[in-house]
Amino acid sequence: MDADDSDGLFRCAVCGVSEGDSSNLTTQSALQTNATVGCGHQFCTSCVERALSRQKSFPCPVCETLVKRVTLSTRTLDDVQCEKDTSWRRRVLKVYNKVEVDFPTLLEYNNYLEEVEDIIFSIVNEEPNAEEMKAKVKTYEEANKSQIVIRQSQRADEERAISDRIAAEQREAERRKREFIEAEKAIASAKRQFKQESTEVMLGEREEVSAELR
């Protein structure tokens, strides 16, 4: 949805009813978003049911993008796009999983990262070359399957090693913490004992404070 459409946010693109309109006593004030790239306009339930009862789709009156029942969502277009980006990013990065050390120069690595971002952008935003990019990912995966699996295994080993190191550091920290607490308890106990014995010396109940407390 373009910035010029901001006045139509949270209003049905057909009848103009706003979401939660208290003057409307029907269910039509519950808006649904046409979660299709290039559209993102909203429609009330009544207008959707009226239009889709006669045909499988209808053109958005604002941008003429087809509106279908499967493209309608109670979420905003931004929410849908964010989820779509996350999903495709995970799928693409699982295949294009090289790291900096796999390249002879930083420039080549940066070019590789830029290529990956271009692929993700094209697919998520349904660019004209989106299907070509999907095919490119599939072809790359098939041609580099063994290396992809090796890198996935290496990354898993590295992550396990990092997790093990963190766990070992946490255990060591806990051990030092316990030792510190025990030492503090011993010092506090010795102070109490020293105070008690000093009082007993003053009262003549003992000759002197224990040697280990001096």
Protein backbone atom coordinates (compact mmCIF):
# COMPACT_ATOMS: atom_id res chain seq x y z
CA MET A 1 0.00 0.00 0.00
CA ASP A 2 1.39 3.41 -0.96
CA ALA A 3 1.75 6.35 1.42
CA ASP A 4 -1.03 8.11 -0.54
CA ASP A 5 -3.44 5.43 0.67
CA SER A 6 -2.84 6.23 4.34
CA ASP A 7 -6.21 7.97 4.64
CA GLY A 8 -7.87 4.66 3.80
CA LEU A 9 -6.16 2.69 6.52
CA PHE A 10 -8.59 0.70 8.68
CA ARG A 11 -11.46 1.43 6.28
CA CYS A 12 -13.17 -0.90 3.85
CA ALA A 13 -11.91 -0.11 0.34
CA VAL A 14 -15.42 -0.80 -1.00
CA CYS A 15 -17.93 0.84 1.34
CA GLY A 16 -15.63 2.97 3.51
CA VAL A 17 -16.78 1.61 6.87
CA SER A 18 -14.06 1.87 9.53
CA GLU A 19 -12.97 -0.95 11.81
CA GLY A 20 -14.98 -1.04 15.02
CA ASP A 21 -17.46 1.56 13.73
CA SER A 22 -19.95 1.86 16.59
CA SER A 23 -22.66 3.08 14.21
CA ASN A 24 -22.56 -0.22 12.39
CA LEU A 25 -24.37 -2.99 14.23
CA THR A 26 -23.41 -5.77 11.81
CA THR A 27 -20.23 -7.77 11.56
CA GLN A 28 -19.06 -5.79 8.51
CA SER A 29 -16.85 -3.52 10.64
CA ALA A 30 -14.41 -6.41 11.16
CA LEU A 31 -11.84 -5.75 8.43
CA GLN A 32 -9.74 -8.23 6.50
CA THR A 33 -6.57 -7.38 4.60
CA ASN A 34 -5.84 -8.47 1.06
CA ALA A 35 -2.36 -9.75 1.96
CA THR A 36 -1.00 -9.56 -1.57
CA VAL A 37 2.11 -7.61 -2.54
CA GLY A 38 1.03 -4.38 -4.23
CA CYS A 39 -2.31 -4.24 -2.45
CA GLY A 40 -2.73 -4.52 1.33
CA HIS A 41 -6.11 -2.76 1.26
CA GLN A 42 -8.82 -3.79 3.67
CA PHE A 43 -12.38 -4.99 3.23
CA CYS A 44 -15.29 -5.51 5.59
CA THR A 45 -16.87 -8.94 5.93
CA SER A 46 -20.16 -7.88 4.28
CA CYS A 47 -18.47 -6.55 1.14
CA VAL A 48 -16.24 -9.62 0.90
CA GLU A 49 -19.14 -12.06 1.24
CA ARG A 50 -21.25 -10.09 -1.23
CA ALA A 51 -18.51 -10.05 -3.86
CA LEU A 52 -17.22 -13.60 -3.42
CA SER A 53 -20.70 -15.11 -3.38
CA ARG A 54 -20.95 -14.32 -7.11
CA GLN A 55 -17.36 -14.99 -8.22
CA LYS A 56 -14.06 -16.51 -7.05
CA SER A 57 -12.29 -13.14 -6.98
CA PHE A 58 -12.89 -9.43 -7.45
CA PRO A 59 -10.58 -6.48 -8.24
CA CYS A 60 -9.58 -4.16 -5.44
CA PRO A 61 -11.33 -0.84 -6.22
CA VAL A 62 -8.20 1.08 -5.23
CA CYS A 63 -5.36 -0.74 -7.01
CA GLU A 64 -7.20 -3.37 -9.10
CA THR A 65 -5.22 -6.24 -7.52
CA LEU A 66 -7.34 -9.39 -7.43
CA VAL A 67 -8.87 -10.18 -4.06
CA LYS A 68 -9.41 -13.86 -3.29
CA ARG A 69 -10.61 -15.61 -0.16
CA VAL A 70 -7.21 -17.31 0.22
CA THR A 71 -5.41 -13.94 0.14
CA LEU A 72 -7.57 -12.36 2.83
CA SER A 73 -6.19 -12.24 6.37
CA THR A 74 -7.04 -10.60 9.66
CA ARG A 75 -3.36 -9.64 9.87
CA THR A 76 -1.88 -6.59 8.18
CA LEU A 77 0.18 -6.85 5.01
CA ASP A 78 3.29 -5.89 7.01
CA ASP A 79 2.70 -8.81 9.40
CA VAL A 80 2.27 -11.24 6.50
CA GLN A 81 5.34 -9.88 4.69
CA CYS A 82 7.45 -10.11 7.86
CA GLU A 83 6.45 -13.75 8.36
CA LYS A 84 7.08 -14.47 4.68
CA ASP A 85 10.52 -12.83 4.83
CA THR A 86 11.48 -14.86 7.89
CA SER A 87 10.33 -18.10 6.29
CA TRP A 88 12.10 -17.57 2.96
CA ARG A 89 15.22 -16.16 4.62
CA ARG A 90 15.51 -19.34 6.70
CA ARG A 91 15.05 -21.54 3.62
CA VAL A 92 17.52 -19.63 1.42
CA LEU A 93 20.21 -19.28 4.11
CA LYS A 94 20.02 -23.01 4.77
CA VAL A 95 21.18 -23.51 1.17
CA TYR A 96 23.43 -20.47 0.74
CA ASN A 97 25.32 -21.20 3.95
CA LYS A 98 28.87 -20.13 3.12
CA VAL A 99 30.78 -18.01 5.64
CA GLU A 100 33.56 -15.46 5.26
CA VAL A 101 36.39 -18.01 5.52
CA ASP A 102 35.04 -19.75 2.40
CA PHE A 103 36.07 -16.76 0.25
CA PRO A 104 39.55 -15.55 -0.74
CA THR A 105 38.61 -11.88 -0.30
CA LEU A 106 36.15 -9.87 1.76
CA LEU A 107 34.81 -8.29 -1.44
CA GLU A 108 33.79 -11.69 -2.83
CA TYR A 109 32.09 -12.55 0.45
CA ASN A 110 30.16 -9.26 0.45
CA ASN A 111 29.11 -9.84 -3.17
CA TYR A 112 27.86 -13.29 -2.14
CA LEU A 113 25.82 -11.81 0.72
CA GLU A 114 24.36 -9.18 -1.63
CA GLU A 115 23.37 -11.90 -4.11
CA VAL A 116 21.60 -13.81 -1.34
CA GLU A 117 19.72 -10.69 -0.20
CA ASP A 118 18.65 -10.00 -3.80
CA ILE A 119 17.26 -13.54 -4.07
CA ILE A 120 15.30 -13.21 -0.82
CA PHE A 121 13.97 -9.77 -1.75
CA SER A 122 12.77 -10.92 -5.18
CA ILE A 123 10.94 -13.96 -3.78
CA VAL A 124 9.37 -12.25 -0.77
CA ASN A 125 8.20 -9.22 -2.75
CA GLU A 126 7.02 -11.33 -5.69
CA GLU A 127 9.21 -9.49 -8.18
CA PRO A 128 8.87 -10.44 -11.89
CA ASN A 129 11.90 -12.74 -11.50
CA ALA A 130 10.64 -14.41 -8.30
CA GLU A 131 10.07 -17.81 -9.92
CA GLU A 132 13.48 -17.58 -11.59
CA MET A 133 15.06 -16.94 -8.18
CA LYS A 134 13.24 -19.93 -6.66
CA ALA A 135 14.54 -22.10 -9.49
CA LYS A 136 18.03 -20.67 -8.95
CA VAL A 137 17.96 -21.67 -5.27
CA LYS A 138 16.81 -25.19 -6.17
CA THR A 139 19.48 -25.56 -8.86
CA TYR A 140 22.20 -24.28 -6.53
CA GLU A 141 21.08 -26.68 -3.82
CA GLU A 142 21.18 -29.68 -6.16
CA ALA A 143 24.59 -28.72 -7.58
CA ASN A 144 26.18 -28.10 -4.16
CA LYS A 145 24.29 -30.58 -1.98
CA SER A 146 27.35 -32.30 -0.51
CA GLN A 147 29.13 -29.05 0.36
CA ILE A 148 25.95 -27.62 1.85
CA VAL A 149 25.55 -30.68 4.10
CA ILE A 150 29.23 -30.50 5.13
CA ARG A 151 28.91 -26.84 6.08
CA GLN A 152 25.67 -27.55 7.96
CA SER A 153 27.47 -30.30 9.88
CA GLN A 154 30.44 -28.04 10.58
CA ARG A 155 28.15 -25.29 11.80
CA ALA A 156 26.29 -27.75 14.02
CA ASP A 157 29.64 -28.95 15.46
CA GLU A 158 30.73 -25.34 16.04
CA GLU A 159 27.42 -24.50 17.73
CA ARG A 160 27.71 -27.59 19.95
CA ALA A 161 31.28 -26.65 20.84
CA ILE A 162 30.18 -23.12 21.71
CA SER A 163 27.28 -24.47 23.78
CA ASP A 164 29.61 -26.87 25.58
CA ARG A 165 32.08 -24.08 26.31
CA ILE A 166 29.32 -21.81 27.61
CA ALA A 167 27.97 -24.63 29.79
CA ALA A 168 31.48 -25.32 31.16
CA GLU A 169 31.99 -21.63 31.91
CA GLN A 170 28.63 -21.49 33.66
CA ARG A 171 29.52 -24.54 35.77
CA GLU A 172 32.86 -22.97 36.69
CA ALA A 173 31.14 -19.70 37.57
CA GLU A 174 28.68 -21.57 39.78
CA ARG A 175 31.56 -23.43 41.47
CA ARG A 176 33.40 -20.16 42.19
CA LYS A 177 30.17 -18.64 43.47
CA ARG A 178 29.61 -21.54 45.86
CA GLU A 179 33.22 -21.32 47.08
CA PHE A 180 32.84 -17.57 47.63
CA ILE A 181 29.61 -18.05 49.61
CA GLU A 182 31.22 -20.75 51.73
CA ALA A 183 34.24 -18.54 52.37
CA GLU A 184 31.99 -15.64 53.38
CA LYS A 185 30.08 -17.92 55.75
CA ALA A 186 33.36 -19.13 57.30
CA ILE A 187 34.57 -15.55 57.80
CA ALA A 188 31.26 -14.51 59.37
CA SER A 189 31.34 -17.54 61.66
CA ALA A 190 34.93 -16.79 62.70
CA LYS A 191 34.01 -13.19 63.51
CA ARG A 192 31.12 -14.29 65.68
CA GLN A 193 33.35 -16.80 67.45
CA PHE A 194 36.06 -14.18 67.97
CA LYS A 195 33.54 -11.73 69.43
CA GLN A 196 32.14 -14.37 71.77
CA GLU A 197 35.56 -15.49 73.00
CA SER A 198 36.70 -11.89 73.43
CA THR A 199 33.68 -11.27 75.65
CA GLU A 200 34.46 -14.40 77.65
CA VAL A 201 38.07 -13.20 78.13
CA MET A 202 36.79 -9.83 79.40
CA LEU A 203 34.46 -11.61 81.82
CA GLY A 204 37.27 -13.83 82.99
CA GLU A 205 35.61 -16.97 81.72
CA ARG A 206 38.64 -17.89 79.59
CA GLU A 207 42.26 -16.84 79.52
CA GLU A 208 42.61 -15.86 75.87
CA VAL A 209 41.04 -16.04 72.44
CA SER A 210 41.71 -19.22 70.44
CA ALA A 211 44.92 -19.02 68.46
CA GLU A 212 43.22 -19.74 65.13
CA LEU A 213 40.99 -16.68 65.60
CA ARG A 214 43.82 -14.24 66.25
